[in-house]
Amino acid sequence: MHRPHRIGIGLVALGLLLSGCYGPFNLTRRLYNWNGQAGTTKWEREFVFILLAWVPVYGLAILGDAVVFNSMEFWTGKNPIDSASMNSNESRTKRLVRGDKEVRLTYLPTSDAGQLLIEQFQHGQSVGALHLEQRDGMTVGSDTAGHVLFTAQTLPNGSVLVHDATGKQIASYTPEEAKRVLRQ
């Protein structure tokens, strides 16, 4: 068989395998729903959103949904990330892999708000972890040992304060600055 024919057959097979990728995007919706509950104000939720977009947790969730989970639902009729269990009170872990990089998202429900543990791996070795939770009206980022790395607090006037582990203020945003930063 000639090379152009092999390439054409391969492209047709790939198109058939990946057809039907449009679907419910359950993993992305779960991440989005968790993000919507991550803070008490829109500024805290936006801070968590930017952090998850920067890590790139959102990108990996969309890729996993588009290429794997929605295609599985199209071909088998079942999505391994069932939307019916999205609001359950169980701890859930999702594994996102791209090449030799992996991110594990573990959602831990609490009575107040959910917590999110983000673990990153490269070549199977841990390269870092971040634990996000709501405490006393603030978003708190800590390591797996529970040591606080940073806190972010939205004040009633809409300004945002970020403090390091020692409590030293490392950033302050007026409501206008916060809006400008979030639009970028």
N, C-alpha and C. Protein backbone atom coordinates (compact mmCIF):
# COMPACT_ATOMS: atom_id res chain seq x y z
N MET A 1 0.85 -1.16 0.00
CA MET A 1 0.00 0.00 0.00
C MET A 1 0.90 1.23 0.00
N HIS A 2 0.53 2.21 -0.79
CA HIS A 2 1.32 3.44 -0.88
C HIS A 2 1.15 4.30 0.36
N ARG A 3 2.19 5.06 0.62
CA ARG A 3 2.18 5.91 1.82
C ARG A 3 0.98 6.87 1.88
N PRO A 4 0.62 7.55 0.77
CA PRO A 4 -0.56 8.43 0.86
C PRO A 4 -1.84 7.68 1.25
N HIS A 5 -1.97 6.43 0.79
CA HIS A 5 -3.16 5.66 1.15
C HIS A 5 -3.16 5.32 2.64
N ARG A 6 -1.99 4.97 3.17
CA ARG A 6 -1.89 4.67 4.61
C ARG A 6 -2.26 5.89 5.45
N ILE A 7 -1.74 7.03 5.04
CA ILE A 7 -2.04 8.26 5.78
C ILE A 7 -3.53 8.55 5.72
N GLY A 8 -4.13 8.41 4.54
CA GLY A 8 -5.57 8.65 4.39
C GLY A 8 -6.40 7.71 5.23
N ILE A 9 -6.04 6.43 5.23
CA ILE A 9 -6.77 5.45 6.04
C ILE A 9 -6.60 5.76 7.52
N GLY A 10 -5.39 6.13 7.91
CA GLY A 10 -5.14 6.49 9.31
C GLY A 10 -5.96 7.70 9.74
N LEU A 11 -6.06 8.71 8.88
CA LEU A 11 -6.86 9.88 9.21
C LEU A 11 -8.35 9.55 9.31
N VAL A 12 -8.84 8.71 8.42
CA VAL A 12 -10.25 8.30 8.49
C VAL A 12 -10.50 7.52 9.78
N ALA A 13 -9.60 6.59 10.13
CA ALA A 13 -9.76 5.81 11.36
C ALA A 13 -9.73 6.71 12.58
N LEU A 14 -8.82 7.67 12.59
CA LEU A 14 -8.74 8.61 13.71
C LEU A 14 -10.02 9.43 13.81
N GLY A 15 -10.53 9.87 12.66
CA GLY A 15 -11.78 10.63 12.65
C GLY A 15 -12.95 9.82 13.19
N LEU A 16 -13.00 8.54 12.86
CA LEU A 16 -14.07 7.67 13.37
C LEU A 16 -13.94 7.45 14.87
N LEU A 17 -12.71 7.27 15.34
CA LEU A 17 -12.50 7.04 16.77
C LEU A 17 -12.84 8.27 17.60
N LEU A 18 -12.53 9.43 17.09
CA LEU A 18 -12.73 10.65 17.87
C LEU A 18 -14.04 11.34 17.56
N SER A 19 -14.85 10.78 16.66
CA SER A 19 -16.13 11.41 16.37
C SER A 19 -17.01 11.34 17.60
N GLY A 20 -17.84 12.31 17.76
CA GLY A 20 -18.72 12.32 18.91
C GLY A 20 -18.05 12.89 20.15
N CYS A 21 -16.93 13.58 19.98
CA CYS A 21 -16.25 14.15 21.13
C CYS A 21 -17.07 15.23 21.80
N TYR A 22 -17.97 15.84 21.04
CA TYR A 22 -18.82 16.84 21.66
C TYR A 22 -19.73 16.11 22.64
N GLY A 23 -19.75 16.56 23.84
CA GLY A 23 -20.53 15.86 24.85
C GLY A 23 -20.72 16.72 26.07
N PRO A 24 -21.02 16.10 27.20
CA PRO A 24 -21.38 16.85 28.40
C PRO A 24 -20.21 17.50 29.15
N PHE A 25 -18.97 17.14 28.86
CA PHE A 25 -17.80 17.70 29.53
C PHE A 25 -17.97 17.64 31.05
N ASN A 26 -18.27 16.45 31.56
CA ASN A 26 -18.55 16.26 32.99
C ASN A 26 -17.37 16.64 33.89
N LEU A 27 -16.15 16.27 33.50
CA LEU A 27 -14.98 16.60 34.33
C LEU A 27 -14.81 18.12 34.42
N THR A 28 -14.91 18.79 33.29
CA THR A 28 -14.77 20.24 33.27
C THR A 28 -15.88 20.90 34.07
N ARG A 29 -17.10 20.37 33.97
CA ARG A 29 -18.22 20.92 34.74
C ARG A 29 -18.00 20.72 36.24
N ARG A 30 -17.47 19.56 36.61
CA ARG A 30 -17.20 19.33 38.04
C ARG A 30 -16.18 20.33 38.56
N LEU A 31 -15.11 20.53 37.80
CA LEU A 31 -14.09 21.49 38.20
C LEU A 31 -14.70 22.89 38.30
N TYR A 32 -15.51 23.25 37.31
CA TYR A 32 -16.16 24.56 37.29
C TYR A 32 -17.10 24.70 38.49
N ASN A 33 -17.89 23.67 38.78
CA ASN A 33 -18.80 23.72 39.93
C ASN A 33 -18.04 23.85 41.24
N TRP A 34 -16.94 23.12 41.38
CA TRP A 34 -16.13 23.26 42.59
C TRP A 34 -15.59 24.68 42.69
N ASN A 35 -15.09 25.20 41.56
CA ASN A 35 -14.54 26.56 41.54
C ASN A 35 -15.61 27.57 41.95
N GLY A 36 -16.85 27.34 41.56
CA GLY A 36 -17.95 28.24 41.91
C GLY A 36 -18.27 28.25 43.39
N GLN A 37 -17.83 27.22 44.12
CA GLN A 37 -18.07 27.15 45.55
C GLN A 37 -16.80 27.41 46.36
N ALA A 38 -15.70 27.70 45.67
CA ALA A 38 -14.40 27.81 46.33
C ALA A 38 -14.26 29.05 47.21
N GLY A 39 -15.06 30.03 47.00
CA GLY A 39 -14.94 31.23 47.81
C GLY A 39 -16.29 31.80 48.17
N THR A 40 -16.26 32.77 49.05
CA THR A 40 -17.50 33.41 49.46
C THR A 40 -17.82 34.62 48.61
N THR A 41 -16.81 35.11 47.86
CA THR A 41 -17.03 36.27 47.00
C THR A 41 -16.54 35.96 45.59
N LYS A 42 -16.96 36.79 44.66
CA LYS A 42 -16.55 36.59 43.27
C LYS A 42 -15.04 36.76 43.10
N TRP A 43 -14.40 37.57 43.93
CA TRP A 43 -12.96 37.80 43.81
C TRP A 43 -12.18 36.56 44.23
N GLU A 44 -12.62 35.91 45.28
CA GLU A 44 -11.95 34.67 45.72
C GLU A 44 -12.12 33.58 44.66
N ARG A 45 -13.32 33.46 44.12
CA ARG A 45 -13.55 32.46 43.07
C ARG A 45 -12.70 32.76 41.84
N GLU A 46 -12.58 34.02 41.49
CA GLU A 46 -11.77 34.40 40.33
C GLU A 46 -10.29 34.11 40.57
N PHE A 47 -9.81 34.36 41.80
CA PHE A 47 -8.43 34.06 42.15
C PHE A 47 -8.15 32.57 41.97
N VAL A 48 -9.05 31.73 42.48
CA VAL A 48 -8.89 30.28 42.34
C VAL A 48 -8.96 29.89 40.88
N PHE A 49 -9.86 30.50 40.11
CA PHE A 49 -9.97 30.21 38.68
C PHE A 49 -8.66 30.52 37.96
N ILE A 50 -8.09 31.69 38.22
CA ILE A 50 -6.84 32.07 37.56
C ILE A 50 -5.73 31.10 37.95
N LEU A 51 -5.68 30.71 39.21
CA LEU A 51 -4.68 29.75 39.66
C LEU A 51 -4.84 28.42 38.91
N LEU A 52 -6.06 27.93 38.80
CA LEU A 52 -6.31 26.65 38.11
C LEU A 52 -6.07 26.76 36.61
N ALA A 53 -6.30 27.93 36.03
CA ALA A 53 -6.01 28.12 34.62
C ALA A 53 -4.50 28.20 34.39
N TRP A 54 -3.78 28.79 35.34
CA TRP A 54 -2.33 28.94 35.21
C TRP A 54 -1.63 27.60 35.38
N VAL A 55 -2.15 26.73 36.20
CA VAL A 55 -1.46 25.47 36.54
C VAL A 55 -1.32 24.51 35.35
N PRO A 56 -2.02 24.23 34.46
CA PRO A 56 -3.25 24.39 33.70
C PRO A 56 -4.27 23.27 33.95
N VAL A 57 -4.90 23.30 35.06
CA VAL A 57 -5.88 22.27 35.42
C VAL A 57 -7.08 22.33 34.49
N TYR A 58 -7.60 23.54 34.21
CA TYR A 58 -8.75 23.65 33.31
C TYR A 58 -8.44 23.09 31.92
N GLY A 59 -7.27 23.41 31.39
CA GLY A 59 -6.89 22.92 30.06
C GLY A 59 -6.82 21.40 30.01
N LEU A 60 -6.25 20.80 31.04
CA LEU A 60 -6.16 19.34 31.08
C LEU A 60 -7.55 18.70 31.24
N ALA A 61 -8.42 19.33 31.99
CA ALA A 61 -9.79 18.80 32.16
C ALA A 61 -10.54 18.85 30.83
N ILE A 62 -10.42 19.94 30.11
CA ILE A 62 -11.08 20.06 28.81
C ILE A 62 -10.52 19.04 27.83
N LEU A 63 -9.20 18.89 27.81
CA LEU A 63 -8.58 17.91 26.92
C LEU A 63 -9.03 16.49 27.26
N GLY A 64 -9.06 16.15 28.55
CA GLY A 64 -9.51 14.82 28.96
C GLY A 64 -10.95 14.56 28.55
N ASP A 65 -11.81 15.56 28.73
CA ASP A 65 -13.21 15.41 28.32
C ASP A 65 -13.33 15.25 26.81
N ALA A 66 -12.69 16.14 26.06
CA ALA A 66 -12.84 16.16 24.61
C ALA A 66 -12.29 14.90 23.95
N VAL A 67 -11.14 14.45 24.39
CA VAL A 67 -10.49 13.34 23.70
C VAL A 67 -10.87 11.98 24.27
N VAL A 68 -11.06 11.88 25.57
CA VAL A 68 -11.28 10.58 26.18
C VAL A 68 -12.72 10.35 26.62
N PHE A 69 -13.18 11.12 27.59
CA PHE A 69 -14.45 10.81 28.26
C PHE A 69 -15.67 10.98 27.37
N ASN A 70 -15.72 12.07 26.58
CA ASN A 70 -16.87 12.25 25.70
C ASN A 70 -16.88 11.23 24.57
N SER A 71 -15.71 10.85 24.08
CA SER A 71 -15.64 9.80 23.05
C SER A 71 -16.08 8.47 23.62
N MET A 72 -15.68 8.17 24.85
CA MET A 72 -16.12 6.93 25.48
C MET A 72 -17.63 6.91 25.62
N GLU A 73 -18.21 8.04 25.98
CA GLU A 73 -19.67 8.09 26.11
C GLU A 73 -20.34 7.88 24.76
N PHE A 74 -19.76 8.45 23.71
CA PHE A 74 -20.34 8.29 22.38
C PHE A 74 -20.34 6.83 21.95
N TRP A 75 -19.23 6.13 22.19
CA TRP A 75 -19.10 4.76 21.70
C TRP A 75 -19.71 3.72 22.64
N THR A 76 -19.69 3.96 23.94
CA THR A 76 -20.21 2.95 24.88
C THR A 76 -21.55 3.34 25.49
N GLY A 77 -21.91 4.60 25.39
CA GLY A 77 -23.15 5.06 26.01
C GLY A 77 -22.97 5.44 27.47
N LYS A 78 -21.75 5.28 28.00
CA LYS A 78 -21.50 5.60 29.40
C LYS A 78 -20.26 6.48 29.50
N ASN A 79 -20.39 7.51 30.31
CA ASN A 79 -19.26 8.39 30.58
C ASN A 79 -18.71 7.99 31.95
N PRO A 80 -17.41 7.66 32.05
CA PRO A 80 -16.87 7.25 33.35
C PRO A 80 -16.98 8.34 34.41
N ILE A 81 -17.15 9.57 33.99
CA ILE A 81 -17.37 10.66 34.93
C ILE A 81 -18.85 10.97 34.88
N ASP A 82 -19.59 10.28 35.72
CA ASP A 82 -21.04 10.35 35.73
C ASP A 82 -21.51 11.66 36.31
N SER A 83 -22.35 12.37 35.56
CA SER A 83 -22.86 13.66 36.04
C SER A 83 -23.80 13.50 37.21
N ALA A 84 -24.42 12.34 37.38
CA ALA A 84 -25.36 12.13 38.48
C ALA A 84 -24.66 12.20 39.84
N SER A 85 -23.39 11.85 39.89
CA SER A 85 -22.68 11.86 41.17
C SER A 85 -21.93 13.16 41.42
N MET A 86 -22.16 14.17 40.59
CA MET A 86 -21.44 15.43 40.75
C MET A 86 -21.67 16.09 42.09
N ASN A 87 -22.85 15.94 42.66
CA ASN A 87 -23.16 16.63 43.90
C ASN A 87 -23.08 15.72 45.11
N SER A 88 -22.43 14.57 44.98
CA SER A 88 -22.35 13.66 46.11
C SER A 88 -21.39 14.20 47.15
N ASN A 89 -21.48 13.67 48.35
CA ASN A 89 -20.60 14.10 49.44
C ASN A 89 -19.41 13.18 49.59
N GLU A 90 -18.97 12.57 48.51
CA GLU A 90 -17.83 11.67 48.54
C GLU A 90 -16.57 12.37 48.04
N SER A 91 -15.45 11.93 48.55
CA SER A 91 -14.17 12.40 48.04
C SER A 91 -13.98 11.80 46.65
N ARG A 92 -13.50 12.61 45.71
CA ARG A 92 -13.31 12.14 44.34
C ARG A 92 -11.93 12.57 43.84
N THR A 93 -11.29 11.67 43.11
CA THR A 93 -9.99 11.97 42.53
C THR A 93 -10.05 11.76 41.03
N LYS A 94 -9.52 12.70 40.30
CA LYS A 94 -9.42 12.60 38.85
C LYS A 94 -7.96 12.73 38.47
N ARG A 95 -7.57 11.94 37.53
CA ARG A 95 -6.18 11.90 37.08
C ARG A 95 -6.14 12.42 35.65
N LEU A 96 -5.33 13.44 35.40
CA LEU A 96 -5.18 14.02 34.07
C LEU A 96 -3.73 13.83 33.65
N VAL A 97 -3.53 13.25 32.47
CA VAL A 97 -2.18 12.93 32.02
C VAL A 97 -1.96 13.52 30.63
N ARG A 98 -0.81 14.14 30.46
CA ARG A 98 -0.36 14.63 29.15
C ARG A 98 1.11 14.29 29.04
N GLY A 99 1.41 13.30 28.23
CA GLY A 99 2.79 12.85 28.08
C GLY A 99 3.31 12.30 29.39
N ASP A 100 4.45 12.82 29.85
CA ASP A 100 5.04 12.35 31.11
C ASP A 100 4.61 13.22 32.30
N LYS A 101 3.63 14.10 32.08
CA LYS A 101 3.14 14.97 33.15
C LYS A 101 1.75 14.51 33.59
N GLU A 102 1.51 14.61 34.87
CA GLU A 102 0.24 14.17 35.43
C GLU A 102 -0.21 15.15 36.51
N VAL A 103 -1.51 15.38 36.56
CA VAL A 103 -2.11 16.19 37.62
C VAL A 103 -3.23 15.36 38.22
N ARG A 104 -3.25 15.28 39.53
CA ARG A 104 -4.34 14.61 40.24
C ARG A 104 -5.12 15.65 41.02
N LEU A 105 -6.42 15.70 40.77
CA LEU A 105 -7.31 16.61 41.46
C LEU A 105 -8.15 15.78 42.42
N THR A 106 -8.07 16.07 43.68
CA THR A 106 -8.87 15.36 44.67
C THR A 106 -9.79 16.35 45.34
N TYR A 107 -11.09 16.16 45.13
CA TYR A 107 -12.10 17.01 45.75
C TYR A 107 -12.50 16.38 47.07
N LEU A 108 -12.43 17.17 48.12
CA LEU A 108 -12.76 16.72 49.46
C LEU A 108 -13.92 17.56 49.98
N PRO A 109 -15.14 17.02 49.99
CA PRO A 109 -16.26 17.83 50.48
C PRO A 109 -16.18 18.05 51.98
N THR A 110 -16.62 19.20 52.42
CA THR A 110 -16.68 19.53 53.84
C THR A 110 -18.07 20.10 54.12
N SER A 111 -18.37 20.33 55.38
CA SER A 111 -19.68 20.89 55.72
C SER A 111 -19.80 22.34 55.26
N ASP A 112 -18.69 23.08 55.25
CA ASP A 112 -18.73 24.49 54.85
C ASP A 112 -18.59 24.64 53.33
N ALA A 113 -17.51 24.15 52.80
CA ALA A 113 -17.22 24.25 51.37
C ALA A 113 -16.23 23.15 51.03
N GLY A 114 -16.13 22.85 49.76
CA GLY A 114 -15.20 21.80 49.34
C GLY A 114 -13.76 22.26 49.41
N GLN A 115 -12.89 21.29 49.48
CA GLN A 115 -11.46 21.55 49.44
C GLN A 115 -10.92 20.87 48.18
N LEU A 116 -9.84 21.38 47.65
CA LEU A 116 -9.24 20.81 46.46
C LEU A 116 -7.75 20.57 46.72
N LEU A 117 -7.32 19.33 46.48
CA LEU A 117 -5.90 18.99 46.56
C LEU A 117 -5.41 18.81 45.13
N ILE A 118 -4.41 19.58 44.74
CA ILE A 118 -3.84 19.53 43.40
C ILE A 118 -2.43 18.96 43.53
N GLU A 119 -2.21 17.80 42.94
CA GLU A 119 -0.89 17.16 42.99
C GLU A 119 -0.34 17.09 41.58
N GLN A 120 0.93 17.46 41.41
CA GLN A 120 1.58 17.42 40.10
C GLN A 120 2.70 16.39 40.12
N PHE A 121 2.81 15.65 39.01
CA PHE A 121 3.84 14.64 38.87
C PHE A 121 4.49 14.78 37.50
N GLN A 122 5.77 14.46 37.44
CA GLN A 122 6.50 14.41 36.18
C GLN A 122 7.36 13.16 36.21
N HIS A 123 7.26 12.36 35.17
CA HIS A 123 7.97 11.08 35.10
C HIS A 123 7.63 10.20 36.31
N GLY A 124 6.40 10.29 36.79
CA GLY A 124 5.96 9.48 37.93
C GLY A 124 6.42 9.98 39.30
N GLN A 125 7.18 11.05 39.34
CA GLN A 125 7.68 11.59 40.60
C GLN A 125 6.92 12.87 40.96
N SER A 126 6.58 13.02 42.22
CA SER A 126 5.88 14.21 42.69
C SER A 126 6.77 15.44 42.52
N VAL A 127 6.18 16.50 41.96
CA VAL A 127 6.92 17.75 41.80
C VAL A 127 6.25 18.88 42.59
N GLY A 128 5.17 18.56 43.28
CA GLY A 128 4.54 19.57 44.11
C GLY A 128 3.07 19.30 44.32
N ALA A 129 2.55 19.95 45.33
CA ALA A 129 1.12 19.82 45.65
C ALA A 129 0.64 21.12 46.28
N LEU A 130 -0.63 21.39 46.08
CA LEU A 130 -1.25 22.56 46.64
C LEU A 130 -2.63 22.17 47.15
N HIS A 131 -2.93 22.59 48.35
CA HIS A 131 -4.23 22.30 48.98
C HIS A 131 -4.95 23.63 49.10
N LEU A 132 -6.15 23.74 48.51
CA LEU A 132 -6.94 24.97 48.57
C LEU A 132 -8.20 24.73 49.38
N GLU A 133 -8.50 25.65 50.29
CA GLU A 133 -9.72 25.53 51.08
C GLU A 133 -10.16 26.90 51.56
N GLN A 134 -11.40 26.96 51.99
CA GLN A 134 -11.95 28.18 52.57
C GLN A 134 -11.84 28.09 54.08
N ARG A 135 -11.24 29.11 54.68
CA ARG A 135 -11.10 29.19 56.14
C ARG A 135 -11.35 30.61 56.57
N ASP A 136 -12.26 30.80 57.47
CA ASP A 136 -12.52 32.13 58.04
C ASP A 136 -12.70 33.21 56.98
N GLY A 137 -13.42 32.87 55.91
CA GLY A 137 -13.69 33.85 54.87
C GLY A 137 -12.54 34.13 53.93
N MET A 138 -11.50 33.29 53.95
CA MET A 138 -10.35 33.48 53.07
C MET A 138 -10.09 32.20 52.29
N THR A 139 -9.45 32.36 51.14
CA THR A 139 -8.93 31.21 50.41
C THR A 139 -7.53 30.96 50.93
N VAL A 140 -7.28 29.75 51.39
CA VAL A 140 -5.99 29.41 51.98
C VAL A 140 -5.32 28.35 51.10
N GLY A 141 -4.10 28.63 50.69
CA GLY A 141 -3.29 27.68 49.95
C GLY A 141 -2.22 27.13 50.87
N SER A 142 -2.15 25.79 50.97
CA SER A 142 -1.16 25.20 51.87
C SER A 142 -0.51 23.99 51.21
N ASP A 143 0.62 23.58 51.77
CA ASP A 143 1.27 22.37 51.26
C ASP A 143 0.60 21.15 51.90
N THR A 144 1.04 19.96 51.53
CA THR A 144 0.39 18.74 52.02
C THR A 144 0.61 18.51 53.50
N ALA A 145 1.61 19.15 54.09
CA ALA A 145 1.84 19.03 55.53
C ALA A 145 0.97 20.00 56.32
N GLY A 146 0.21 20.84 55.61
CA GLY A 146 -0.67 21.78 56.28
C GLY A 146 -0.05 23.14 56.54
N HIS A 147 1.17 23.36 56.07
CA HIS A 147 1.81 24.66 56.24
C HIS A 147 1.21 25.65 55.25
N VAL A 148 0.73 26.76 55.77
CA VAL A 148 0.10 27.76 54.92
C VAL A 148 1.15 28.40 54.02
N LEU A 149 0.86 28.45 52.72
CA LEU A 149 1.75 29.09 51.76
C LEU A 149 1.30 30.51 51.46
N PHE A 150 -0.02 30.72 51.38
CA PHE A 150 -0.57 32.04 51.12
C PHE A 150 -2.04 32.06 51.54
N THR A 151 -2.56 33.27 51.71
CA THR A 151 -3.99 33.47 51.92
C THR A 151 -4.43 34.61 51.02
N ALA A 152 -5.66 34.54 50.57
CA ALA A 152 -6.24 35.61 49.76
C ALA A 152 -7.59 35.96 50.37
N GLN A 153 -7.82 37.24 50.56
CA GLN A 153 -9.05 37.69 51.18
C GLN A 153 -9.63 38.84 50.38
N THR A 154 -10.92 38.74 50.12
CA THR A 154 -11.63 39.83 49.47
C THR A 154 -12.34 40.64 50.55
N LEU A 155 -12.06 41.93 50.59
CA LEU A 155 -12.67 42.81 51.56
C LEU A 155 -14.06 43.24 51.08
N PRO A 156 -14.90 43.71 51.98
CA PRO A 156 -16.25 44.12 51.59
C PRO A 156 -16.30 45.16 50.47
N ASN A 157 -15.28 46.00 50.36
CA ASN A 157 -15.27 47.01 49.30
C ASN A 157 -14.80 46.45 47.95
N GLY A 158 -14.46 45.15 47.90
CA GLY A 158 -14.04 44.52 46.64
C GLY A 158 -12.55 44.45 46.44
N SER A 159 -11.77 45.04 47.33
CA SER A 159 -10.31 44.94 47.19
C SER A 159 -9.86 43.56 47.67
N VAL A 160 -8.71 43.13 47.17
CA VAL A 160 -8.18 41.80 47.47
C VAL A 160 -6.81 41.94 48.12
N LEU A 161 -6.63 41.22 49.24
CA LEU A 161 -5.34 41.20 49.93
C LEU A 161 -4.76 39.80 49.87
N VAL A 162 -3.47 39.71 49.55
CA VAL A 162 -2.78 38.42 49.51
C VAL A 162 -1.63 38.49 50.51
N HIS A 163 -1.55 37.48 51.38
CA HIS A 163 -0.51 37.43 52.42
C HIS A 163 0.31 36.15 52.23
N ASP A 164 1.59 36.22 52.58
CA ASP A 164 2.42 35.02 52.53
C ASP A 164 2.24 34.21 53.81
N ALA A 165 3.04 33.18 53.97
CA ALA A 165 2.91 32.26 55.11
C ALA A 165 3.14 32.95 56.46
N THR A 166 3.94 33.99 56.46
CA THR A 166 4.22 34.68 57.73
C THR A 166 3.16 35.72 58.07
N GLY A 167 2.21 35.93 57.18
CA GLY A 167 1.18 36.93 57.40
C GLY A 167 1.53 38.27 56.80
N LYS A 168 2.70 38.35 56.18
CA LYS A 168 3.12 39.60 55.56
C LYS A 168 2.34 39.79 54.26
N GLN A 169 1.80 40.97 54.11
CA GLN A 169 1.04 41.28 52.90
C GLN A 169 2.00 41.33 51.72
N ILE A 170 1.73 40.54 50.69
CA ILE A 170 2.60 40.53 49.51
C ILE A 170 1.93 41.15 48.29
N ALA A 171 0.63 41.35 48.37
CA ALA A 171 -0.07 42.01 47.27
C ALA A 171 -1.36 42.61 47.80
N SER A 172 -1.74 43.70 47.17
CA SER A 172 -3.00 44.37 47.50
C SER A 172 -3.56 44.93 46.21
N TYR A 173 -4.83 44.67 45.97
CA TYR A 173 -5.47 45.12 44.74
C TYR A 173 -6.73 45.90 45.10
N THR A 174 -6.83 47.11 44.57
CA THR A 174 -8.08 47.86 44.73
C THR A 174 -9.13 47.15 43.86
N PRO A 175 -10.40 47.44 44.06
CA PRO A 175 -11.41 46.80 43.21
C PRO A 175 -11.15 47.03 41.71
N GLU A 176 -10.71 48.22 41.37
CA GLU A 176 -10.42 48.53 39.96
C GLU A 176 -9.22 47.73 39.45
N GLU A 177 -8.17 47.65 40.28
CA GLU A 177 -6.99 46.87 39.89
C GLU A 177 -7.33 45.39 39.76
N ALA A 178 -8.12 44.88 40.67
CA ALA A 178 -8.50 43.48 40.62
C ALA A 178 -9.28 43.20 39.35
N LYS A 179 -10.20 44.09 39.00
CA LYS A 179 -10.96 43.91 37.75
C LYS A 179 -10.03 43.94 36.56
N ARG A 180 -9.08 44.87 36.54
CA ARG A 180 -8.14 44.99 35.43
C ARG A 180 -7.27 43.75 35.32
N VAL A 181 -6.78 43.23 36.45
CA VAL A 181 -5.94 42.02 36.45
C VAL A 181 -6.75 40.82 35.94
N LEU A 182 -7.99 40.73 36.35
CA LEU A 182 -8.82 39.60 35.97
C LEU A 182 -9.22 39.64 34.50
N ARG A 183 -9.22 40.81 33.90
CA ARG A 183 -9.56 40.92 32.47
C ARG A 183 -8.41 40.53 31.57
N GLN A 184 -7.20 40.53 32.08
CA GLN A 184 -6.03 40.23 31.25
C GLN A 184 -5.95 38.78 30.92
